[in-house]
Amino acid sequence: MYCRKCYTKLDPTDDFPRCPRCDRGFDPTDRNSYLARPFPGKWRIVWHIFLTTLVSFVIAFIVANFQLAQASGH
C-alpha cells in the first residue's frame, strides 16, 4: 500500500490512516484511495508522455504561427 501523492509506504493498521510524509488520508478498504505499487503503472507513464508531447506540439504550432504573422507584416 503506497500513497497516491508521494508514493510513501502506508500502514493500514493505524487508527487514523494518513500518510506519514504528506498527511494525505486513505481508506484501507477503498482501493482507489491508495496505490498497490510504489510507482505509477506503465499506462500512466505512457499517457503522461503522450499528453506532454501533444501539448508541446500545440504550443509550438501556436508560437510558429504567431512568428509567421509577425514576419509577414500583418
N, C-alpha and C. Protein backbone atom coordinates (compact mmCIF):
# COMPACT_ATOMS: atom_id res chain seq x y z
N MET A 1 0.84 -1.16 0.00
CA MET A 1 0.00 0.00 0.00
C MET A 1 0.90 1.24 0.00
N TYR A 2 0.66 2.12 -0.98
CA TYR A 2 1.50 3.31 -1.12
C TYR A 2 0.64 4.55 -1.34
N CYS A 3 1.14 5.69 -0.89
CA CYS A 3 0.43 6.96 -1.01
C CYS A 3 0.29 7.36 -2.48
N ARG A 4 -0.87 7.87 -2.84
CA ARG A 4 -1.12 8.31 -4.22
C ARG A 4 -0.37 9.60 -4.55
N LYS A 5 -0.01 10.36 -3.54
CA LYS A 5 0.64 11.66 -3.78
C LYS A 5 2.16 11.56 -3.76
N CYS A 6 2.72 10.92 -2.72
CA CYS A 6 4.18 10.94 -2.56
C CYS A 6 4.82 9.55 -2.61
N TYR A 7 4.02 8.50 -2.84
CA TYR A 7 4.50 7.12 -3.01
C TYR A 7 5.17 6.54 -1.76
N THR A 8 4.85 7.07 -0.59
CA THR A 8 5.38 6.54 0.66
C THR A 8 4.61 5.29 1.07
N LYS A 9 5.29 4.33 1.66
CA LYS A 9 4.63 3.11 2.13
C LYS A 9 3.68 3.45 3.28
N LEU A 10 2.46 2.93 3.21
CA LEU A 10 1.43 3.24 4.19
C LEU A 10 1.21 2.07 5.15
N ASP A 11 0.80 2.40 6.35
CA ASP A 11 0.50 1.40 7.36
C ASP A 11 -1.02 1.35 7.56
N PRO A 12 -1.69 0.29 7.10
CA PRO A 12 -3.16 0.24 7.20
C PRO A 12 -3.67 -0.03 8.61
N THR A 13 -2.79 -0.33 9.55
CA THR A 13 -3.24 -0.65 10.91
C THR A 13 -3.36 0.58 11.81
N ASP A 14 -3.03 1.76 11.32
CA ASP A 14 -3.16 2.97 12.12
C ASP A 14 -4.63 3.25 12.45
N ASP A 15 -4.86 3.91 13.59
CA ASP A 15 -6.23 4.30 13.97
C ASP A 15 -6.79 5.34 13.01
N PHE A 16 -5.97 6.31 12.64
CA PHE A 16 -6.35 7.34 11.68
C PHE A 16 -5.43 7.19 10.48
N PRO A 17 -5.84 6.42 9.46
CA PRO A 17 -4.93 6.14 8.34
C PRO A 17 -4.60 7.40 7.53
N ARG A 18 -3.38 7.87 7.70
CA ARG A 18 -2.88 9.02 6.96
C ARG A 18 -1.44 8.73 6.56
N CYS A 19 -1.02 9.36 5.49
CA CYS A 19 0.36 9.21 5.03
C CYS A 19 1.28 9.92 6.02
N PRO A 20 2.35 9.26 6.47
CA PRO A 20 3.26 9.91 7.43
C PRO A 20 4.08 11.04 6.81
N ARG A 21 4.19 11.05 5.50
CA ARG A 21 5.02 12.06 4.84
C ARG A 21 4.23 13.30 4.42
N CYS A 22 3.10 13.08 3.72
CA CYS A 22 2.35 14.23 3.19
C CYS A 22 1.01 14.44 3.90
N ASP A 23 0.65 13.57 4.84
CA ASP A 23 -0.56 13.68 5.65
C ASP A 23 -1.86 13.52 4.85
N ARG A 24 -1.77 12.87 3.71
CA ARG A 24 -2.97 12.60 2.91
C ARG A 24 -3.69 11.39 3.50
N GLY A 25 -5.01 11.49 3.65
CA GLY A 25 -5.78 10.41 4.21
C GLY A 25 -6.04 9.31 3.19
N PHE A 26 -6.26 8.10 3.68
CA PHE A 26 -6.62 6.98 2.80
C PHE A 26 -7.50 6.01 3.57
N ASP A 27 -8.23 5.21 2.83
CA ASP A 27 -9.12 4.21 3.41
C ASP A 27 -8.60 2.84 3.00
N PRO A 28 -8.15 2.01 3.94
CA PRO A 28 -7.61 0.70 3.59
C PRO A 28 -8.60 -0.21 2.85
N THR A 29 -9.90 0.06 3.01
CA THR A 29 -10.90 -0.76 2.32
C THR A 29 -11.24 -0.24 0.94
N ASP A 30 -10.84 0.99 0.62
CA ASP A 30 -11.11 1.60 -0.69
C ASP A 30 -9.84 1.58 -1.53
N ARG A 31 -9.82 0.73 -2.54
CA ARG A 31 -8.64 0.56 -3.37
C ARG A 31 -8.28 1.81 -4.18
N ASN A 32 -9.22 2.72 -4.36
CA ASN A 32 -8.95 3.96 -5.11
C ASN A 32 -8.26 5.02 -4.27
N SER A 33 -8.12 4.79 -2.98
CA SER A 33 -7.50 5.81 -2.11
C SER A 33 -6.01 5.58 -1.89
N TYR A 34 -5.44 4.52 -2.46
CA TYR A 34 -4.01 4.25 -2.34
C TYR A 34 -3.53 3.51 -3.59
N LEU A 35 -2.22 3.38 -3.73
CA LEU A 35 -1.63 2.65 -4.85
C LEU A 35 -1.17 1.28 -4.39
N ALA A 36 -1.28 0.30 -5.26
CA ALA A 36 -0.81 -1.04 -4.94
C ALA A 36 0.69 -1.15 -5.14
N ARG A 37 1.23 -0.35 -6.08
CA ARG A 37 2.67 -0.34 -6.36
C ARG A 37 3.25 1.02 -5.99
N PRO A 38 4.55 1.08 -5.72
CA PRO A 38 5.14 2.36 -5.28
C PRO A 38 5.29 3.39 -6.39
N PHE A 39 5.17 3.00 -7.64
CA PHE A 39 5.34 3.94 -8.74
C PHE A 39 4.16 3.81 -9.69
N PRO A 40 3.91 4.83 -10.51
CA PRO A 40 2.80 4.76 -11.45
C PRO A 40 2.98 3.58 -12.42
N GLY A 41 1.88 3.06 -12.88
CA GLY A 41 1.92 1.97 -13.85
C GLY A 41 2.39 2.44 -15.20
N LYS A 42 2.68 1.49 -16.08
CA LYS A 42 3.24 1.85 -17.38
C LYS A 42 2.25 2.64 -18.23
N TRP A 43 0.95 2.36 -18.12
CA TRP A 43 -0.01 3.11 -18.92
C TRP A 43 -0.12 4.55 -18.45
N ARG A 44 0.04 4.79 -17.18
CA ARG A 44 0.02 6.16 -16.68
C ARG A 44 1.25 6.93 -17.18
N ILE A 45 2.39 6.28 -17.21
CA ILE A 45 3.61 6.91 -17.73
C ILE A 45 3.46 7.20 -19.22
N VAL A 46 2.95 6.21 -19.98
CA VAL A 46 2.74 6.41 -21.42
C VAL A 46 1.76 7.55 -21.66
N TRP A 47 0.68 7.61 -20.87
CA TRP A 47 -0.30 8.67 -21.01
C TRP A 47 0.33 10.05 -20.75
N HIS A 48 1.16 10.17 -19.73
CA HIS A 48 1.82 11.45 -19.43
C HIS A 48 2.77 11.85 -20.55
N ILE A 49 3.50 10.90 -21.11
CA ILE A 49 4.41 11.21 -22.21
C ILE A 49 3.62 11.67 -23.43
N PHE A 50 2.54 10.97 -23.75
CA PHE A 50 1.70 11.34 -24.89
C PHE A 50 1.09 12.73 -24.70
N LEU A 51 0.54 12.98 -23.52
CA LEU A 51 -0.09 14.26 -23.25
C LEU A 51 0.93 15.40 -23.28
N THR A 52 2.10 15.20 -22.71
CA THR A 52 3.14 16.22 -22.73
C THR A 52 3.60 16.52 -24.16
N THR A 53 3.76 15.48 -24.96
CA THR A 53 4.15 15.67 -26.35
C THR A 53 3.08 16.42 -27.13
N LEU A 54 1.83 16.07 -26.92
CA LEU A 54 0.73 16.74 -27.61
C LEU A 54 0.66 18.22 -27.25
N VAL A 55 0.77 18.52 -25.97
CA VAL A 55 0.74 19.92 -25.52
C VAL A 55 1.93 20.68 -26.10
N SER A 56 3.09 20.06 -26.16
CA SER A 56 4.28 20.71 -26.71
C SER A 56 4.09 21.04 -28.19
N PHE A 57 3.52 20.11 -28.94
CA PHE A 57 3.27 20.36 -30.36
C PHE A 57 2.26 21.48 -30.57
N VAL A 58 1.23 21.52 -29.77
CA VAL A 58 0.23 22.59 -29.89
C VAL A 58 0.85 23.94 -29.58
N ILE A 59 1.64 24.02 -28.53
CA ILE A 59 2.30 25.29 -28.18
C ILE A 59 3.28 25.70 -29.27
N ALA A 60 4.05 24.74 -29.79
CA ALA A 60 4.99 25.06 -30.87
C ALA A 60 4.26 25.56 -32.11
N PHE A 61 3.12 24.97 -32.42
CA PHE A 61 2.32 25.40 -33.57
C PHE A 61 1.82 26.83 -33.39
N ILE A 62 1.34 27.14 -32.19
CA ILE A 62 0.85 28.48 -31.91
C ILE A 62 1.98 29.50 -32.00
N VAL A 63 3.13 29.20 -31.43
CA VAL A 63 4.27 30.11 -31.48
C VAL A 63 4.74 30.30 -32.92
N ALA A 64 4.81 29.23 -33.70
CA ALA A 64 5.25 29.33 -35.09
C ALA A 64 4.29 30.19 -35.90
N ASN A 65 3.00 30.03 -35.70
CA ASN A 65 2.02 30.86 -36.43
C ASN A 65 2.12 32.32 -36.01
N PHE A 66 2.34 32.57 -34.75
CA PHE A 66 2.49 33.95 -34.27
C PHE A 66 3.73 34.59 -34.90
N GLN A 67 4.84 33.86 -34.94
CA GLN A 67 6.06 34.40 -35.53
C GLN A 67 5.91 34.61 -37.04
N LEU A 68 5.20 33.70 -37.70
CA LEU A 68 4.95 33.85 -39.13
C LEU A 68 4.11 35.08 -39.42
N ALA A 69 3.11 35.32 -38.58
CA ALA A 69 2.28 36.51 -38.76
C ALA A 69 3.08 37.78 -38.51
N GLN A 70 3.99 37.77 -37.56
CA GLN A 70 4.83 38.94 -37.28
C GLN A 70 5.79 39.20 -38.44
N ALA A 71 6.33 38.13 -39.03
CA ALA A 71 7.29 38.30 -40.13
C ALA A 71 6.63 38.76 -41.41
N SER A 72 5.35 38.43 -41.60
CA SER A 72 4.66 38.80 -42.83
C SER A 72 4.15 40.24 -42.79
N GLY A 73 4.15 40.84 -41.63
CA GLY A 73 3.72 42.25 -41.52
C GLY A 73 2.25 42.44 -41.27
N HIS A 74 1.52 41.41 -40.94
CA HIS A 74 0.08 41.56 -40.68
C HIS A 74 -0.19 41.77 -39.23
